Amino acid sequence: MQRIFESERMADEERARYAQADFFDSNRRFLAHFQEKFPDFCRGLVLDVGCGPGDVPLRFARRYAEATVHGLDSSAAMLRYAQNALARAPDLRSRVRFVQGRLPEAVLPRRSYDAIISNSLLHRLPETASLWQALSELGRPGACVCMMDLHRPGSEAQARELVERHAGDKPEPVKRDFLQSLRAAFKVEEIRQQLTEAKLLLSVETCDDHHLLIWGALPA
C-alpha cells in the first residue's frame, strides 16, 4: 500500500479531545520502551516533539524526578489540553513547559537537549527531512533519541482490520482518523532510508502489529 497523506483531517479541537481520552495506553507503552532502551537515563533536559495534549511530558516528568521536559506542538487546541493537565499537577509545574511551534522554526526554551522523544508524530508530517535535521541540531552529543509511531500495513484490507481490532469500540471520528493515520504512516524500510540520508545512526524496529520504534544515541 502506497503512503496516502491527507492534510485535511479531524479538526484539532476534536482530535485533542479524543487523544486526551483514548491514547493513554500508547503513551504508557512508549514510556516503557524508553525505559527499556535507555536504562541509565535519569536526568537532564528532554524535548517532546509533537507532544499533543501533554500526557507524555507529564508521565516522563513523573518517572524521572530530575528531568525537565519541554513539550512542543503546533496545535493551540492540543496545548490548551496540555496546560490544563499541567495545572492539575502542581508538583510538576517547575519541570514541565509547553511551547507552540513547528520545527525547524520553533523558538525553544533551550538550544540543546539530553533526550529527544516523540510519540505519534511522523505520520502527521508531509515530509520528515526537516525533522531529522532539527533532531541533529537540537540533540546534545550522545543525546538519547526515542520515537514511536504507526507503521503502514501492507494493504487497505489490513489497515481496516487493524482499525477494527484496536478501535472497533471507538467513536466513528476516531476510527476514521486512525485509518487515515495508518495510510499516512511510514514503513520501517522507509524510515531507515530517511535516517541513512540524514546520516543518523538510529535503530528502527517494529514493536507491535501497528507501531514502530526509532531509537538510539546521537554521536558523542
N, C-alpha and C. Protein backbone atom coordinates (compact mmCIF):
# COMPACT_ATOMS: atom_id res chain seq x y z
N MET A 1 0.85 -1.19 0.00
CA MET A 1 0.00 0.00 0.00
C MET A 1 0.88 1.24 0.00
N GLN A 2 0.64 2.15 -0.94
CA GLN A 2 1.39 3.39 -1.01
C GLN A 2 0.95 4.35 0.09
N ARG A 3 1.87 5.20 0.51
CA ARG A 3 1.53 6.19 1.53
C ARG A 3 0.52 7.20 0.98
N ILE A 4 -0.52 7.48 1.77
CA ILE A 4 -1.53 8.48 1.41
C ILE A 4 -1.56 9.49 2.54
N PHE A 5 -1.01 10.67 2.28
CA PHE A 5 -1.00 11.72 3.29
C PHE A 5 -2.14 12.68 3.02
N GLU A 6 -2.98 12.89 4.03
CA GLU A 6 -4.12 13.81 3.91
C GLU A 6 -3.94 14.93 4.92
N SER A 7 -3.77 16.15 4.42
CA SER A 7 -3.59 17.28 5.33
C SER A 7 -4.89 17.68 6.01
N GLU A 8 -6.03 17.43 5.36
CA GLU A 8 -7.32 17.77 5.96
C GLU A 8 -7.82 16.57 6.74
N ARG A 9 -7.71 16.65 8.07
CA ARG A 9 -8.07 15.54 8.93
C ARG A 9 -9.05 16.03 9.99
N MET A 10 -9.23 15.25 11.02
CA MET A 10 -10.08 15.66 12.12
C MET A 10 -9.65 17.03 12.64
N ALA A 11 -10.61 17.88 12.96
CA ALA A 11 -10.31 19.21 13.49
C ALA A 11 -9.48 19.08 14.76
N ASP A 12 -8.55 20.02 14.95
CA ASP A 12 -7.63 19.95 16.09
C ASP A 12 -8.35 19.83 17.42
N GLU A 13 -9.40 20.60 17.61
CA GLU A 13 -10.11 20.57 18.89
C GLU A 13 -10.71 19.20 19.15
N GLU A 14 -11.30 18.61 18.10
CA GLU A 14 -11.90 17.29 18.23
C GLU A 14 -10.83 16.24 18.46
N ARG A 15 -9.73 16.31 17.70
CA ARG A 15 -8.65 15.34 17.85
C ARG A 15 -8.03 15.44 19.24
N ALA A 16 -7.88 16.65 19.74
CA ALA A 16 -7.31 16.83 21.08
C ALA A 16 -8.19 16.18 22.13
N ARG A 17 -9.50 16.34 21.98
CA ARG A 17 -10.43 15.77 22.96
C ARG A 17 -10.35 14.25 22.95
N TYR A 18 -10.33 13.65 21.75
CA TYR A 18 -10.26 12.20 21.67
C TYR A 18 -8.89 11.68 22.11
N ALA A 19 -7.83 12.39 21.74
CA ALA A 19 -6.48 11.97 22.14
C ALA A 19 -6.36 11.95 23.65
N GLN A 20 -6.94 12.95 24.28
CA GLN A 20 -6.92 13.03 25.74
C GLN A 20 -7.57 11.81 26.37
N ALA A 21 -8.59 11.28 25.72
CA ALA A 21 -9.38 10.21 26.32
C ALA A 21 -8.91 8.82 25.93
N ASP A 22 -8.33 8.66 24.73
CA ASP A 22 -8.23 7.33 24.15
C ASP A 22 -6.83 6.77 23.97
N PHE A 23 -5.76 7.54 24.17
CA PHE A 23 -4.45 7.04 23.79
C PHE A 23 -3.47 6.98 24.94
N PHE A 24 -3.98 6.88 26.17
CA PHE A 24 -3.10 6.76 27.33
C PHE A 24 -2.28 5.47 27.26
N ASP A 25 -2.86 4.38 26.76
CA ASP A 25 -2.14 3.11 26.74
C ASP A 25 -0.93 3.19 25.82
N SER A 26 -1.09 3.84 24.66
CA SER A 26 0.04 4.03 23.76
C SER A 26 1.15 4.82 24.44
N ASN A 27 0.79 5.85 25.18
CA ASN A 27 1.79 6.66 25.88
C ASN A 27 2.49 5.87 26.98
N ARG A 28 1.72 5.04 27.67
CA ARG A 28 2.32 4.19 28.71
C ARG A 28 3.35 3.24 28.09
N ARG A 29 3.00 2.64 26.96
CA ARG A 29 3.92 1.72 26.31
C ARG A 29 5.15 2.45 25.76
N PHE A 30 4.94 3.67 25.28
CA PHE A 30 6.07 4.46 24.79
C PHE A 30 7.08 4.71 25.91
N LEU A 31 6.60 5.11 27.07
CA LEU A 31 7.50 5.34 28.20
C LEU A 31 8.22 4.05 28.59
N ALA A 32 7.51 2.93 28.54
CA ALA A 32 8.14 1.64 28.86
C ALA A 32 9.25 1.32 27.87
N HIS A 33 9.03 1.62 26.59
CA HIS A 33 10.08 1.39 25.59
C HIS A 33 11.30 2.27 25.88
N PHE A 34 11.06 3.53 26.24
CA PHE A 34 12.19 4.41 26.56
C PHE A 34 12.99 3.85 27.74
N GLN A 35 12.30 3.42 28.78
CA GLN A 35 12.98 2.88 29.95
C GLN A 35 13.79 1.64 29.59
N GLU A 36 13.25 0.82 28.70
CA GLU A 36 13.96 -0.40 28.29
C GLU A 36 15.22 -0.06 27.47
N LYS A 37 15.09 0.89 26.55
CA LYS A 37 16.20 1.20 25.66
C LYS A 37 17.28 2.06 26.34
N PHE A 38 16.88 2.85 27.33
CA PHE A 38 17.83 3.76 27.99
C PHE A 38 17.77 3.58 29.50
N PRO A 39 18.19 2.42 30.00
CA PRO A 39 18.06 2.13 31.43
C PRO A 39 18.91 3.04 32.31
N ASP A 40 19.94 3.68 31.75
CA ASP A 40 20.82 4.53 32.56
C ASP A 40 20.37 5.99 32.57
N PHE A 41 19.36 6.35 31.79
CA PHE A 41 18.91 7.74 31.78
C PHE A 41 18.21 8.05 33.11
N CYS A 42 18.56 9.19 33.70
CA CYS A 42 17.90 9.55 34.96
C CYS A 42 17.65 11.04 35.12
N ARG A 43 18.32 11.87 34.32
CA ARG A 43 18.16 13.33 34.50
C ARG A 43 18.51 14.03 33.19
N GLY A 44 18.13 15.31 33.14
CA GLY A 44 18.53 16.14 32.01
C GLY A 44 17.36 16.85 31.38
N LEU A 45 17.64 17.55 30.28
CA LEU A 45 16.63 18.28 29.53
C LEU A 45 16.06 17.38 28.44
N VAL A 46 14.74 17.32 28.38
CA VAL A 46 14.05 16.44 27.44
C VAL A 46 13.13 17.28 26.56
N LEU A 47 13.15 17.01 25.26
CA LEU A 47 12.23 17.67 24.32
C LEU A 47 11.28 16.63 23.75
N ASP A 48 9.97 16.86 23.93
CA ASP A 48 8.94 16.00 23.33
C ASP A 48 8.39 16.73 22.11
N VAL A 49 8.67 16.22 20.93
CA VAL A 49 8.25 16.86 19.68
C VAL A 49 6.88 16.31 19.27
N GLY A 50 5.91 17.21 19.13
CA GLY A 50 4.55 16.77 18.84
C GLY A 50 3.90 16.22 20.09
N CYS A 51 3.94 17.00 21.17
CA CYS A 51 3.53 16.50 22.49
C CYS A 51 2.02 16.34 22.64
N GLY A 52 1.22 16.88 21.70
CA GLY A 52 -0.22 16.73 21.80
C GLY A 52 -0.78 17.29 23.09
N PRO A 53 -1.72 16.59 23.73
CA PRO A 53 -2.36 17.10 24.94
C PRO A 53 -1.53 16.95 26.21
N GLY A 54 -0.25 16.63 26.07
CA GLY A 54 0.67 16.72 27.21
C GLY A 54 0.84 15.50 28.08
N ASP A 55 0.22 14.38 27.72
CA ASP A 55 0.30 13.22 28.59
C ASP A 55 1.73 12.67 28.69
N VAL A 56 2.44 12.61 27.56
CA VAL A 56 3.80 12.05 27.58
C VAL A 56 4.75 12.91 28.42
N PRO A 57 4.80 14.24 28.23
CA PRO A 57 5.69 15.03 29.09
C PRO A 57 5.39 14.88 30.59
N LEU A 58 4.11 14.81 30.94
CA LEU A 58 3.76 14.67 32.35
C LEU A 58 4.18 13.30 32.88
N ARG A 59 3.95 12.26 32.09
CA ARG A 59 4.38 10.92 32.50
C ARG A 59 5.91 10.89 32.66
N PHE A 60 6.60 11.50 31.71
CA PHE A 60 8.05 11.49 31.74
C PHE A 60 8.58 12.20 32.98
N ALA A 61 7.99 13.36 33.29
CA ALA A 61 8.44 14.13 34.45
C ALA A 61 8.15 13.38 35.75
N ARG A 62 7.05 12.64 35.80
CA ARG A 62 6.74 11.85 37.00
C ARG A 62 7.75 10.71 37.16
N ARG A 63 8.10 10.09 36.04
CA ARG A 63 9.02 8.95 36.10
C ARG A 63 10.45 9.38 36.42
N TYR A 64 10.86 10.52 35.87
CA TYR A 64 12.24 10.99 36.05
C TYR A 64 12.22 12.31 36.82
N ALA A 65 12.40 12.20 38.12
CA ALA A 65 12.24 13.35 39.01
C ALA A 65 13.32 14.42 38.82
N GLU A 66 14.41 14.07 38.14
CA GLU A 66 15.48 15.04 37.91
C GLU A 66 15.52 15.50 36.45
N ALA A 67 14.44 15.26 35.73
CA ALA A 67 14.36 15.69 34.33
C ALA A 67 13.45 16.90 34.20
N THR A 68 13.80 17.78 33.27
CA THR A 68 12.94 18.90 32.88
C THR A 68 12.47 18.62 31.46
N VAL A 69 11.17 18.73 31.23
CA VAL A 69 10.59 18.32 29.94
C VAL A 69 9.92 19.51 29.26
N HIS A 70 10.29 19.75 28.02
CA HIS A 70 9.65 20.77 27.19
C HIS A 70 8.84 20.07 26.10
N GLY A 71 7.54 20.35 26.06
CA GLY A 71 6.66 19.77 25.05
C GLY A 71 6.39 20.77 23.95
N LEU A 72 6.61 20.36 22.70
CA LEU A 72 6.40 21.22 21.54
C LEU A 72 5.27 20.68 20.69
N ASP A 73 4.34 21.55 20.32
CA ASP A 73 3.26 21.15 19.41
C ASP A 73 2.80 22.37 18.62
N SER A 74 2.36 22.13 17.38
CA SER A 74 1.91 23.24 16.54
C SER A 74 0.46 23.61 16.78
N SER A 75 -0.28 22.76 17.50
CA SER A 75 -1.72 22.94 17.68
C SER A 75 -2.05 23.68 18.98
N ALA A 76 -2.70 24.83 18.85
CA ALA A 76 -3.13 25.56 20.04
C ALA A 76 -4.16 24.77 20.82
N ALA A 77 -5.02 24.03 20.12
CA ALA A 77 -6.05 23.23 20.80
C ALA A 77 -5.40 22.15 21.65
N MET A 78 -4.40 21.45 21.10
CA MET A 78 -3.70 20.43 21.87
C MET A 78 -3.05 21.03 23.11
N LEU A 79 -2.43 22.18 22.94
CA LEU A 79 -1.70 22.77 24.06
C LEU A 79 -2.63 23.32 25.13
N ARG A 80 -3.85 23.66 24.78
CA ARG A 80 -4.82 24.04 25.82
C ARG A 80 -5.08 22.85 26.74
N TYR A 81 -5.25 21.67 26.16
CA TYR A 81 -5.43 20.47 26.97
C TYR A 81 -4.16 20.19 27.80
N ALA A 82 -3.00 20.41 27.18
CA ALA A 82 -1.75 20.17 27.90
C ALA A 82 -1.60 21.11 29.10
N GLN A 83 -1.90 22.38 28.90
CA GLN A 83 -1.80 23.34 30.00
C GLN A 83 -2.80 23.02 31.11
N ASN A 84 -3.99 22.59 30.74
CA ASN A 84 -4.99 22.21 31.75
C ASN A 84 -4.51 21.00 32.54
N ALA A 85 -3.89 20.04 31.84
CA ALA A 85 -3.37 18.86 32.54
C ALA A 85 -2.25 19.26 33.50
N LEU A 86 -1.39 20.17 33.06
CA LEU A 86 -0.30 20.62 33.92
C LEU A 86 -0.83 21.38 35.13
N ALA A 87 -1.91 22.12 34.94
CA ALA A 87 -2.50 22.86 36.07
C ALA A 87 -3.00 21.92 37.15
N ARG A 88 -3.33 20.69 36.76
CA ARG A 88 -3.80 19.69 37.73
C ARG A 88 -2.64 18.91 38.36
N ALA A 89 -1.42 19.26 37.98
CA ALA A 89 -0.24 18.58 38.53
C ALA A 89 0.74 19.62 39.07
N PRO A 90 0.39 20.29 40.16
CA PRO A 90 1.23 21.39 40.66
C PRO A 90 2.65 20.97 40.99
N ASP A 91 2.85 19.70 41.33
CA ASP A 91 4.19 19.24 41.67
C ASP A 91 5.12 19.18 40.46
N LEU A 92 4.55 19.25 39.25
CA LEU A 92 5.36 19.15 38.04
C LEU A 92 5.57 20.49 37.34
N ARG A 93 4.91 21.52 37.81
CA ARG A 93 4.91 22.79 37.06
C ARG A 93 6.30 23.38 36.88
N SER A 94 7.18 23.16 37.81
CA SER A 94 8.53 23.74 37.70
C SER A 94 9.41 22.98 36.71
N ARG A 95 8.97 21.79 36.28
CA ARG A 95 9.81 20.96 35.41
C ARG A 95 9.19 20.65 34.06
N VAL A 96 7.99 21.14 33.80
CA VAL A 96 7.33 20.89 32.52
C VAL A 96 6.90 22.22 31.91
N ARG A 97 7.17 22.37 30.64
CA ARG A 97 6.79 23.60 29.94
C ARG A 97 6.32 23.24 28.54
N PHE A 98 5.27 23.90 28.07
CA PHE A 98 4.74 23.65 26.73
C PHE A 98 4.96 24.86 25.84
N VAL A 99 5.31 24.58 24.58
CA VAL A 99 5.63 25.63 23.62
C VAL A 99 4.88 25.34 22.32
N GLN A 100 4.26 26.37 21.76
CA GLN A 100 3.60 26.20 20.47
C GLN A 100 4.58 26.53 19.36
N GLY A 101 4.66 25.65 18.38
CA GLY A 101 5.55 25.89 17.25
C GLY A 101 5.77 24.62 16.46
N ARG A 102 6.50 24.76 15.38
CA ARG A 102 6.78 23.64 14.49
C ARG A 102 8.26 23.69 14.09
N LEU A 103 8.92 22.56 14.19
CA LEU A 103 10.32 22.52 13.76
C LEU A 103 10.42 22.67 12.25
N PRO A 104 11.45 23.37 11.74
CA PRO A 104 12.61 23.88 12.48
C PRO A 104 12.47 25.32 12.96
N GLU A 105 11.29 25.95 12.73
CA GLU A 105 11.16 27.38 13.05
C GLU A 105 10.91 27.66 14.53
N ALA A 106 10.46 26.66 15.28
CA ALA A 106 10.05 26.89 16.67
C ALA A 106 11.15 27.52 17.51
N VAL A 107 10.74 28.44 18.38
CA VAL A 107 11.67 29.05 19.33
C VAL A 107 11.53 28.29 20.65
N LEU A 108 12.55 27.54 21.00
CA LEU A 108 12.50 26.67 22.17
C LEU A 108 13.19 27.32 23.37
N PRO A 109 12.82 26.88 24.59
CA PRO A 109 13.44 27.45 25.79
C PRO A 109 14.94 27.21 25.89
N ARG A 110 15.41 26.10 25.30
CA ARG A 110 16.84 25.78 25.33
C ARG A 110 17.33 25.48 23.91
N ARG A 111 18.63 25.58 23.72
CA ARG A 111 19.20 25.36 22.39
C ARG A 111 19.55 23.91 22.14
N SER A 112 19.66 23.11 23.21
CA SER A 112 20.02 21.70 23.03
C SER A 112 19.45 20.87 24.17
N TYR A 113 19.32 19.55 23.91
CA TYR A 113 18.63 18.66 24.84
C TYR A 113 19.39 17.35 25.02
N ASP A 114 19.19 16.76 26.21
CA ASP A 114 19.82 15.48 26.53
C ASP A 114 19.02 14.29 25.99
N ALA A 115 17.76 14.50 25.71
CA ALA A 115 16.92 13.44 25.14
C ALA A 115 15.86 14.11 24.27
N ILE A 116 15.57 13.50 23.13
CA ILE A 116 14.50 13.96 22.24
C ILE A 116 13.56 12.79 22.03
N ILE A 117 12.29 13.01 22.35
CA ILE A 117 11.30 11.94 22.28
C ILE A 117 10.11 12.39 21.44
N SER A 118 9.34 11.42 20.98
CA SER A 118 8.14 11.75 20.21
C SER A 118 7.28 10.50 20.09
N ASN A 119 5.99 10.66 20.25
CA ASN A 119 5.05 9.56 20.07
C ASN A 119 3.93 10.00 19.13
N SER A 120 3.80 9.30 18.01
CA SER A 120 2.69 9.52 17.06
C SER A 120 2.75 10.86 16.35
N LEU A 121 3.94 11.23 15.90
CA LEU A 121 4.09 12.47 15.13
C LEU A 121 4.35 12.22 13.65
N LEU A 122 5.20 11.25 13.32
CA LEU A 122 5.72 11.12 11.96
C LEU A 122 4.62 11.01 10.91
N HIS A 123 3.57 10.26 11.20
CA HIS A 123 2.54 10.06 10.17
C HIS A 123 1.73 11.33 9.91
N ARG A 124 1.89 12.34 10.74
CA ARG A 124 1.19 13.61 10.54
C ARG A 124 2.05 14.64 9.80
N LEU A 125 3.22 14.23 9.35
CA LEU A 125 4.11 15.14 8.64
C LEU A 125 4.09 14.84 7.14
N PRO A 126 4.05 15.88 6.30
CA PRO A 126 4.12 15.64 4.86
C PRO A 126 5.49 15.11 4.44
N GLU A 127 6.54 15.53 5.15
CA GLU A 127 7.90 15.04 4.90
C GLU A 127 8.66 15.07 6.22
N THR A 128 9.75 14.31 6.29
CA THR A 128 10.46 14.16 7.57
C THR A 128 11.88 14.73 7.56
N ALA A 129 12.37 15.16 6.40
CA ALA A 129 13.77 15.60 6.32
C ALA A 129 14.07 16.74 7.29
N SER A 130 13.14 17.69 7.40
CA SER A 130 13.38 18.82 8.30
C SER A 130 13.38 18.38 9.76
N LEU A 131 12.60 17.35 10.09
CA LEU A 131 12.60 16.83 11.46
C LEU A 131 13.94 16.20 11.78
N TRP A 132 14.46 15.36 10.88
CA TRP A 132 15.74 14.70 11.16
C TRP A 132 16.86 15.73 11.26
N GLN A 133 16.82 16.77 10.44
CA GLN A 133 17.83 17.81 10.52
C GLN A 133 17.76 18.54 11.86
N ALA A 134 16.53 18.88 12.28
CA ALA A 134 16.36 19.57 13.56
C ALA A 134 16.81 18.70 14.72
N LEU A 135 16.54 17.41 14.62
CA LEU A 135 16.96 16.49 15.67
C LEU A 135 18.48 16.51 15.83
N SER A 136 19.19 16.51 14.70
CA SER A 136 20.65 16.55 14.75
C SER A 136 21.15 17.84 15.39
N GLU A 137 20.44 18.94 15.15
CA GLU A 137 20.88 20.24 15.65
C GLU A 137 20.51 20.44 17.12
N LEU A 138 19.39 19.86 17.56
CA LEU A 138 18.90 20.10 18.91
C LEU A 138 19.44 19.11 19.94
N GLY A 139 19.86 17.96 19.49
CA GLY A 139 20.36 16.96 20.42
C GLY A 139 21.80 17.22 20.82
N ARG A 140 22.09 17.16 22.10
CA ARG A 140 23.46 17.28 22.57
C ARG A 140 24.26 16.04 22.18
N PRO A 141 25.58 16.11 22.17
CA PRO A 141 26.37 14.91 21.88
C PRO A 141 25.98 13.76 22.81
N GLY A 142 25.67 12.62 22.21
CA GLY A 142 25.25 11.46 22.98
C GLY A 142 23.81 11.47 23.43
N ALA A 143 23.02 12.43 22.95
CA ALA A 143 21.62 12.54 23.38
C ALA A 143 20.82 11.28 23.03
N CYS A 144 19.91 10.92 23.92
CA CYS A 144 19.00 9.80 23.67
C CYS A 144 17.92 10.24 22.69
N VAL A 145 17.59 9.37 21.74
CA VAL A 145 16.50 9.62 20.80
C VAL A 145 15.55 8.44 20.86
N CYS A 146 14.27 8.71 21.08
CA CYS A 146 13.28 7.64 21.11
C CYS A 146 11.97 8.16 20.52
N MET A 147 11.54 7.54 19.42
CA MET A 147 10.32 7.96 18.75
C MET A 147 9.49 6.73 18.40
N MET A 148 8.22 6.79 18.71
CA MET A 148 7.30 5.71 18.35
C MET A 148 6.25 6.27 17.41
N ASP A 149 5.86 5.47 16.43
CA ASP A 149 4.82 5.89 15.51
C ASP A 149 4.15 4.66 14.92
N LEU A 150 3.07 4.90 14.21
CA LEU A 150 2.43 3.82 13.47
C LEU A 150 3.34 3.38 12.33
N HIS A 151 3.18 2.11 11.91
CA HIS A 151 3.81 1.71 10.65
C HIS A 151 2.72 1.26 9.68
N ARG A 152 2.92 1.58 8.43
CA ARG A 152 1.89 1.37 7.42
C ARG A 152 1.72 -0.11 7.10
N PRO A 153 0.48 -0.61 7.14
CA PRO A 153 0.24 -2.01 6.79
C PRO A 153 0.41 -2.25 5.29
N GLY A 154 0.38 -3.51 4.91
CA GLY A 154 0.65 -3.85 3.52
C GLY A 154 -0.49 -3.60 2.56
N SER A 155 -1.70 -3.48 3.08
CA SER A 155 -2.86 -3.31 2.20
C SER A 155 -3.95 -2.53 2.91
N GLU A 156 -4.90 -2.03 2.13
CA GLU A 156 -6.05 -1.34 2.70
C GLU A 156 -6.87 -2.28 3.58
N ALA A 157 -6.98 -3.53 3.16
CA ALA A 157 -7.73 -4.51 3.96
C ALA A 157 -7.08 -4.71 5.32
N GLN A 158 -5.76 -4.81 5.35
CA GLN A 158 -5.06 -4.96 6.62
C GLN A 158 -5.23 -3.73 7.50
N ALA A 159 -5.22 -2.55 6.88
CA ALA A 159 -5.42 -1.31 7.65
C ALA A 159 -6.79 -1.31 8.30
N ARG A 160 -7.81 -1.67 7.55
CA ARG A 160 -9.17 -1.68 8.10
C ARG A 160 -9.32 -2.74 9.19
N GLU A 161 -8.63 -3.86 9.03
CA GLU A 161 -8.68 -4.89 10.07
C GLU A 161 -8.04 -4.40 11.35
N LEU A 162 -6.94 -3.65 11.24
CA LEU A 162 -6.29 -3.08 12.42
C LEU A 162 -7.19 -2.08 13.12
N VAL A 163 -7.91 -1.29 12.34
CA VAL A 163 -8.84 -0.33 12.94
C VAL A 163 -9.90 -1.06 13.76
N GLU A 164 -10.45 -2.12 13.21
CA GLU A 164 -11.48 -2.86 13.94
C GLU A 164 -10.91 -3.55 15.16
N ARG A 165 -9.68 -4.04 15.05
CA ARG A 165 -9.07 -4.76 16.17
C ARG A 165 -8.75 -3.82 17.34
N HIS A 166 -8.25 -2.64 17.03
CA HIS A 166 -7.76 -1.76 18.08
C HIS A 166 -8.67 -0.59 18.40
N ALA A 167 -9.63 -0.30 17.53
CA ALA A 167 -10.50 0.86 17.76
C ALA A 167 -11.95 0.56 17.40
N GLY A 168 -12.30 -0.72 17.37
CA GLY A 168 -13.65 -1.09 16.96
C GLY A 168 -14.74 -0.53 17.83
N ASP A 169 -14.44 -0.24 19.09
CA ASP A 169 -15.45 0.28 20.01
C ASP A 169 -15.36 1.80 20.17
N LYS A 170 -14.51 2.45 19.38
CA LYS A 170 -14.33 3.90 19.49
C LYS A 170 -15.35 4.63 18.62
N PRO A 171 -15.56 5.93 18.88
CA PRO A 171 -16.46 6.73 18.04
C PRO A 171 -15.96 6.76 16.59
N GLU A 172 -16.88 6.96 15.66
CA GLU A 172 -16.53 6.95 14.25
C GLU A 172 -15.43 7.95 13.88
N PRO A 173 -15.44 9.17 14.42
CA PRO A 173 -14.33 10.09 14.07
C PRO A 173 -12.96 9.53 14.45
N VAL A 174 -12.88 8.82 15.57
CA VAL A 174 -11.61 8.24 16.00
C VAL A 174 -11.20 7.12 15.05
N LYS A 175 -12.15 6.27 14.68
CA LYS A 175 -11.86 5.17 13.75
C LYS A 175 -11.42 5.72 12.39
N ARG A 176 -12.08 6.76 11.94
CA ARG A 176 -11.74 7.35 10.64
C ARG A 176 -10.34 7.97 10.68
N ASP A 177 -10.03 8.66 11.78
CA ASP A 177 -8.71 9.27 11.91
C ASP A 177 -7.62 8.21 12.02
N PHE A 178 -7.91 7.12 12.72
CA PHE A 178 -6.95 6.02 12.85
C PHE A 178 -6.65 5.42 11.48
N LEU A 179 -7.69 5.20 10.66
CA LEU A 179 -7.49 4.64 9.33
C LEU A 179 -6.64 5.59 8.47
N GLN A 180 -6.95 6.87 8.52
CA GLN A 180 -6.15 7.84 7.77
C GLN A 180 -4.71 7.86 8.26
N SER A 181 -4.53 7.69 9.56
CA SER A 181 -3.18 7.69 10.13
C SER A 181 -2.38 6.48 9.66
N LEU A 182 -3.02 5.31 9.61
CA LEU A 182 -2.35 4.12 9.11
C LEU A 182 -1.94 4.29 7.65
N ARG A 183 -2.80 4.89 6.86
CA ARG A 183 -2.48 5.14 5.44
C ARG A 183 -1.30 6.10 5.29
N ALA A 184 -1.18 7.03 6.24
CA ALA A 184 -0.14 8.06 6.15
C ALA A 184 1.17 7.66 6.83
N ALA A 185 1.16 6.52 7.51
CA ALA A 185 2.36 6.10 8.25
C ALA A 185 3.45 5.63 7.29
N PHE A 186 4.66 5.57 7.81
CA PHE A 186 5.80 5.09 7.04
C PHE A 186 6.07 3.63 7.38
N LYS A 187 6.76 2.95 6.48
CA LYS A 187 7.23 1.60 6.74
C LYS A 187 8.64 1.66 7.35
N VAL A 188 9.02 0.57 7.99
CA VAL A 188 10.33 0.51 8.64
C VAL A 188 11.44 0.83 7.65
N GLU A 189 11.38 0.21 6.46
CA GLU A 189 12.45 0.42 5.49
C GLU A 189 12.49 1.86 4.97
N GLU A 190 11.34 2.52 4.94
CA GLU A 190 11.32 3.93 4.53
C GLU A 190 12.00 4.81 5.57
N ILE A 191 11.73 4.55 6.84
CA ILE A 191 12.38 5.32 7.91
C ILE A 191 13.89 5.07 7.89
N ARG A 192 14.30 3.82 7.69
CA ARG A 192 15.73 3.52 7.64
C ARG A 192 16.41 4.30 6.51
N GLN A 193 15.76 4.38 5.36
CA GLN A 193 16.32 5.12 4.25
C GLN A 193 16.43 6.61 4.58
N GLN A 194 15.40 7.15 5.22
CA GLN A 194 15.42 8.55 5.63
C GLN A 194 16.58 8.83 6.58
N LEU A 195 16.77 7.94 7.54
CA LEU A 195 17.84 8.12 8.52
C LEU A 195 19.22 8.01 7.86
N THR A 196 19.34 7.10 6.90
CA THR A 196 20.61 6.98 6.17
C THR A 196 20.92 8.27 5.44
N GLU A 197 19.91 8.83 4.77
CA GLU A 197 20.11 10.08 4.04
C GLU A 197 20.44 11.23 4.99
N ALA A 198 19.89 11.18 6.21
CA ALA A 198 20.16 12.23 7.20
C ALA A 198 21.43 11.97 8.00
N LYS A 199 22.09 10.84 7.71
CA LYS A 199 23.32 10.45 8.41
C LYS A 199 23.11 10.30 9.92
N LEU A 200 21.98 9.69 10.26
CA LEU A 200 21.66 9.41 11.66
C LEU A 200 21.73 7.90 11.88
N LEU A 201 22.56 7.48 12.81
CA LEU A 201 22.74 6.06 13.09
C LEU A 201 21.79 5.63 14.20
N LEU A 202 20.52 5.51 13.85
CA LEU A 202 19.50 5.10 14.81
C LEU A 202 18.89 3.78 14.38
N SER A 203 18.41 3.01 15.35
CA SER A 203 17.77 1.73 15.06
C SER A 203 16.28 1.93 14.80
N VAL A 204 15.72 1.09 13.93
CA VAL A 204 14.29 1.11 13.64
C VAL A 204 13.78 -0.32 13.71
N GLU A 205 12.70 -0.53 14.46
CA GLU A 205 12.14 -1.87 14.61
C GLU A 205 10.65 -1.78 14.87
N THR A 206 9.94 -2.84 14.53
CA THR A 206 8.52 -2.89 14.90
C THR A 206 8.42 -3.30 16.36
N CYS A 207 7.43 -2.74 17.05
CA CYS A 207 7.26 -3.09 18.47
C CYS A 207 5.89 -3.71 18.75
N ASP A 208 4.99 -3.70 17.79
CA ASP A 208 3.75 -4.48 17.86
C ASP A 208 3.16 -4.51 16.45
N ASP A 209 1.90 -4.90 16.31
CA ASP A 209 1.35 -5.09 14.96
C ASP A 209 1.05 -3.81 14.21
N HIS A 210 1.18 -2.64 14.88
CA HIS A 210 0.93 -1.40 14.14
C HIS A 210 1.82 -0.24 14.57
N HIS A 211 2.87 -0.51 15.36
CA HIS A 211 3.79 0.54 15.78
C HIS A 211 5.23 0.17 15.42
N LEU A 212 6.03 1.20 15.17
CA LEU A 212 7.47 1.04 15.02
C LEU A 212 8.17 1.95 16.03
N LEU A 213 9.41 1.61 16.32
CA LEU A 213 10.20 2.37 17.30
C LEU A 213 11.52 2.77 16.66
N ILE A 214 11.86 4.04 16.80
CA ILE A 214 13.14 4.59 16.35
C ILE A 214 13.92 4.98 17.60
N TRP A 215 15.12 4.48 17.75
CA TRP A 215 15.83 4.77 18.99
C TRP A 215 17.35 4.68 18.80
N GLY A 216 18.05 5.33 19.68
CA GLY A 216 19.50 5.31 19.66
C GLY A 216 20.06 6.58 20.27
N ALA A 217 21.35 6.76 20.12
CA ALA A 217 22.03 7.93 20.67
C ALA A 217 22.70 8.71 19.55
N LEU A 218 22.67 10.02 19.66
CA LEU A 218 23.39 10.85 18.72
C LEU A 218 24.90 10.71 18.97
N PRO A 219 25.72 11.01 17.98
CA PRO A 219 27.17 10.86 18.17
C PRO A 219 27.68 11.67 19.36
N ALA A 220 28.54 11.06 20.14
CA ALA A 220 29.08 11.74 21.32
C ALA A 220 30.14 12.77 20.93
